[in-house]
Amino acid sequence: MNIEKTVHIVAGSFILLSLALSQLHAIEWLWATAFVGANLLQSALTNFCPLATILKKTNMKQGSAFN
């Protein structure tokens, strides 16, 4: 597992979880979906991803997400 795949897994999981919670609990959970989407957009534009920075400090290997 590399950093890029881990970021995709975490982002996708948070989106699916918040969508499920918005249907099962409260509509306000959609704010979590919006936050993840905004973070993905920001990281694509600035090449800075907070989760990737944290994972680099754990010595997780870097690599292409599509290998």
N, C-alpha and C. Protein backbone atom coordinates (compact mmCIF):
# COMPACT_ATOMS: atom_id res chain seq x y z
N MET A 1 0.86 -1.17 0.00
CA MET A 1 0.00 0.00 0.00
C MET A 1 0.90 1.23 0.00
N ASN A 2 0.51 2.23 -0.81
CA ASN A 2 1.30 3.45 -0.83
C ASN A 2 0.43 4.64 -0.40
N ILE A 3 1.05 5.80 -0.32
CA ILE A 3 0.37 6.99 0.20
C ILE A 3 -0.83 7.36 -0.65
N GLU A 4 -0.68 7.36 -1.95
CA GLU A 4 -1.76 7.80 -2.82
C GLU A 4 -2.98 6.88 -2.70
N LYS A 5 -2.76 5.57 -2.68
CA LYS A 5 -3.88 4.64 -2.53
C LYS A 5 -4.55 4.81 -1.18
N THR A 6 -3.76 5.03 -0.15
CA THR A 6 -4.31 5.21 1.18
C THR A 6 -5.17 6.47 1.25
N VAL A 7 -4.70 7.55 0.63
CA VAL A 7 -5.48 8.80 0.61
C VAL A 7 -6.81 8.56 -0.11
N HIS A 8 -6.79 7.85 -1.23
CA HIS A 8 -8.02 7.56 -1.97
C HIS A 8 -8.98 6.70 -1.14
N ILE A 9 -8.44 5.71 -0.46
CA ILE A 9 -9.28 4.83 0.37
C ILE A 9 -9.91 5.61 1.51
N VAL A 10 -9.14 6.44 2.18
CA VAL A 10 -9.65 7.22 3.31
C VAL A 10 -10.70 8.22 2.83
N ALA A 11 -10.42 8.94 1.74
CA ALA A 11 -11.37 9.93 1.23
C ALA A 11 -12.67 9.25 0.79
N GLY A 12 -12.57 8.17 0.05
CA GLY A 12 -13.77 7.47 -0.39
C GLY A 12 -14.58 6.92 0.77
N SER A 13 -13.89 6.39 1.77
CA SER A 13 -14.57 5.85 2.94
C SER A 13 -15.31 6.94 3.71
N PHE A 14 -14.66 8.09 3.89
CA PHE A 14 -15.32 9.20 4.59
C PHE A 14 -16.53 9.69 3.82
N ILE A 15 -16.44 9.76 2.51
CA ILE A 15 -17.58 10.21 1.70
C ILE A 15 -18.74 9.23 1.83
N LEU A 16 -18.47 7.94 1.66
CA LEU A 16 -19.55 6.95 1.76
C LEU A 16 -20.15 6.90 3.17
N LEU A 17 -19.30 7.00 4.19
CA LEU A 17 -19.79 6.99 5.56
C LEU A 17 -20.67 8.20 5.85
N SER A 18 -20.23 9.38 5.42
CA SER A 18 -21.02 10.58 5.68
C SER A 18 -22.32 10.58 4.90
N LEU A 19 -22.31 10.02 3.68
CA LEU A 19 -23.56 9.91 2.92
C LEU A 19 -24.54 8.97 3.62
N ALA A 20 -24.04 7.84 4.11
CA ALA A 20 -24.90 6.91 4.84
C ALA A 20 -25.44 7.55 6.11
N LEU A 21 -24.58 8.23 6.85
CA LEU A 21 -25.03 8.88 8.09
C LEU A 21 -26.04 9.99 7.82
N SER A 22 -25.90 10.67 6.68
CA SER A 22 -26.86 11.72 6.35
C SER A 22 -28.25 11.15 6.08
N GLN A 23 -28.30 9.91 5.59
CA GLN A 23 -29.59 9.27 5.33
C GLN A 23 -30.16 8.60 6.57
N LEU A 24 -29.29 8.10 7.42
CA LEU A 24 -29.73 7.34 8.58
C LEU A 24 -29.88 8.17 9.86
N HIS A 25 -29.14 9.28 9.94
CA HIS A 25 -29.12 10.03 11.20
C HIS A 25 -29.56 11.47 11.01
N ALA A 26 -28.72 12.28 10.37
CA ALA A 26 -29.03 13.70 10.21
C ALA A 26 -28.41 14.22 8.92
N ILE A 27 -29.13 15.07 8.25
CA ILE A 27 -28.69 15.63 6.96
C ILE A 27 -27.39 16.44 7.10
N GLU A 28 -27.10 16.90 8.31
CA GLU A 28 -25.90 17.71 8.53
C GLU A 28 -24.61 16.94 8.25
N TRP A 29 -24.67 15.61 8.20
CA TRP A 29 -23.49 14.82 7.88
C TRP A 29 -22.98 15.10 6.48
N LEU A 30 -23.81 15.71 5.64
CA LEU A 30 -23.34 16.06 4.29
C LEU A 30 -22.25 17.12 4.33
N TRP A 31 -22.13 17.85 5.44
CA TRP A 31 -21.02 18.80 5.58
C TRP A 31 -19.68 18.08 5.58
N ALA A 32 -19.64 16.87 6.11
CA ALA A 32 -18.41 16.08 6.08
C ALA A 32 -18.05 15.72 4.64
N THR A 33 -19.06 15.37 3.84
CA THR A 33 -18.84 15.09 2.42
C THR A 33 -18.29 16.32 1.71
N ALA A 34 -18.87 17.48 2.00
CA ALA A 34 -18.40 18.73 1.39
C ALA A 34 -16.97 19.04 1.81
N PHE A 35 -16.64 18.78 3.06
CA PHE A 35 -15.28 19.03 3.55
C PHE A 35 -14.27 18.15 2.81
N VAL A 36 -14.59 16.87 2.65
CA VAL A 36 -13.68 15.96 1.95
C VAL A 36 -13.53 16.39 0.49
N GLY A 37 -14.63 16.75 -0.15
CA GLY A 37 -14.56 17.21 -1.53
C GLY A 37 -13.73 18.48 -1.68
N ALA A 38 -13.91 19.41 -0.76
CA ALA A 38 -13.12 20.65 -0.80
C ALA A 38 -11.64 20.37 -0.58
N ASN A 39 -11.34 19.43 0.33
CA ASN A 39 -9.95 19.07 0.58
C ASN A 39 -9.33 18.41 -0.65
N LEU A 40 -10.08 17.55 -1.33
CA LEU A 40 -9.57 16.92 -2.56
C LEU A 40 -9.30 17.96 -3.64
N LEU A 41 -10.21 18.91 -3.79
CA LEU A 41 -10.02 19.98 -4.78
C LEU A 41 -8.81 20.83 -4.42
N GLN A 42 -8.70 21.21 -3.16
CA GLN A 42 -7.56 22.02 -2.71
C GLN A 42 -6.25 21.29 -2.93
N SER A 43 -6.21 20.00 -2.62
CA SER A 43 -4.96 19.27 -2.77
C SER A 43 -4.58 19.09 -4.24
N ALA A 44 -5.57 18.98 -5.11
CA ALA A 44 -5.28 18.89 -6.55
C ALA A 44 -4.71 20.19 -7.09
N LEU A 45 -5.18 21.32 -6.56
CA LEU A 45 -4.73 22.62 -7.05
C LEU A 45 -3.41 23.07 -6.44
N THR A 46 -3.13 22.65 -5.21
CA THR A 46 -1.95 23.16 -4.51
C THR A 46 -0.86 22.10 -4.31
N ASN A 47 -1.16 20.85 -4.61
CA ASN A 47 -0.23 19.73 -4.37
C ASN A 47 0.13 19.60 -2.89
N PHE A 48 -0.77 19.99 -2.00
CA PHE A 48 -0.59 19.82 -0.56
C PHE A 48 -1.78 19.04 -0.01
N CYS A 49 -1.50 17.89 0.58
CA CYS A 49 -2.54 17.06 1.18
C CYS A 49 -2.14 16.77 2.62
N PRO A 50 -2.94 17.23 3.57
CA PRO A 50 -2.59 17.01 4.98
C PRO A 50 -2.42 15.53 5.33
N LEU A 51 -3.30 14.66 4.83
CA LEU A 51 -3.17 13.24 5.13
C LEU A 51 -1.89 12.66 4.54
N ALA A 52 -1.53 13.06 3.33
CA ALA A 52 -0.29 12.58 2.72
C ALA A 52 0.92 13.01 3.54
N THR A 53 0.88 14.22 4.08
CA THR A 53 1.96 14.71 4.93
C THR A 53 2.10 13.85 6.18
N ILE A 54 0.97 13.50 6.78
CA ILE A 54 1.00 12.65 7.98
C ILE A 54 1.53 11.26 7.62
N LEU A 55 1.08 10.71 6.51
CA LEU A 55 1.52 9.37 6.11
C LEU A 55 3.00 9.34 5.76
N LYS A 56 3.53 10.43 5.21
CA LYS A 56 4.97 10.49 4.92
C LYS A 56 5.78 10.39 6.20
N LYS A 57 5.28 10.98 7.29
CA LYS A 57 5.98 10.93 8.56
C LYS A 57 5.98 9.53 9.17
N THR A 58 5.08 8.67 8.71
CA THR A 58 5.04 7.29 9.19
C THR A 58 5.89 6.37 8.32
N ASN A 59 6.63 6.96 7.40
CA ASN A 59 7.51 6.23 6.48
C ASN A 59 6.77 5.31 5.52
N MET A 60 5.53 5.63 5.20
CA MET A 60 4.81 4.87 4.19
C MET A 60 5.41 5.21 2.83
N LYS A 61 5.51 4.23 1.97
CA LYS A 61 6.16 4.46 0.68
C LYS A 61 5.27 5.27 -0.24
N GLN A 62 5.92 6.05 -1.10
CA GLN A 62 5.20 6.83 -2.10
C GLN A 62 5.13 6.02 -3.37
N GLY A 63 4.20 6.35 -4.23
CA GLY A 63 4.07 5.67 -5.49
C GLY A 63 2.85 6.12 -6.22
N SER A 64 2.69 5.64 -7.42
CA SER A 64 1.55 6.01 -8.23
C SER A 64 0.31 5.30 -7.73
N ALA A 65 -0.80 6.00 -7.72
CA ALA A 65 -2.05 5.41 -7.25
C ALA A 65 -2.59 4.40 -8.24
N PHE A 66 -2.10 4.40 -9.44
CA PHE A 66 -2.67 3.54 -10.47
C PHE A 66 -1.75 2.40 -10.87
N ASN A 67 -0.83 2.03 -10.01
CA ASN A 67 0.04 0.88 -10.26
C ASN A 67 -0.67 -0.41 -9.93
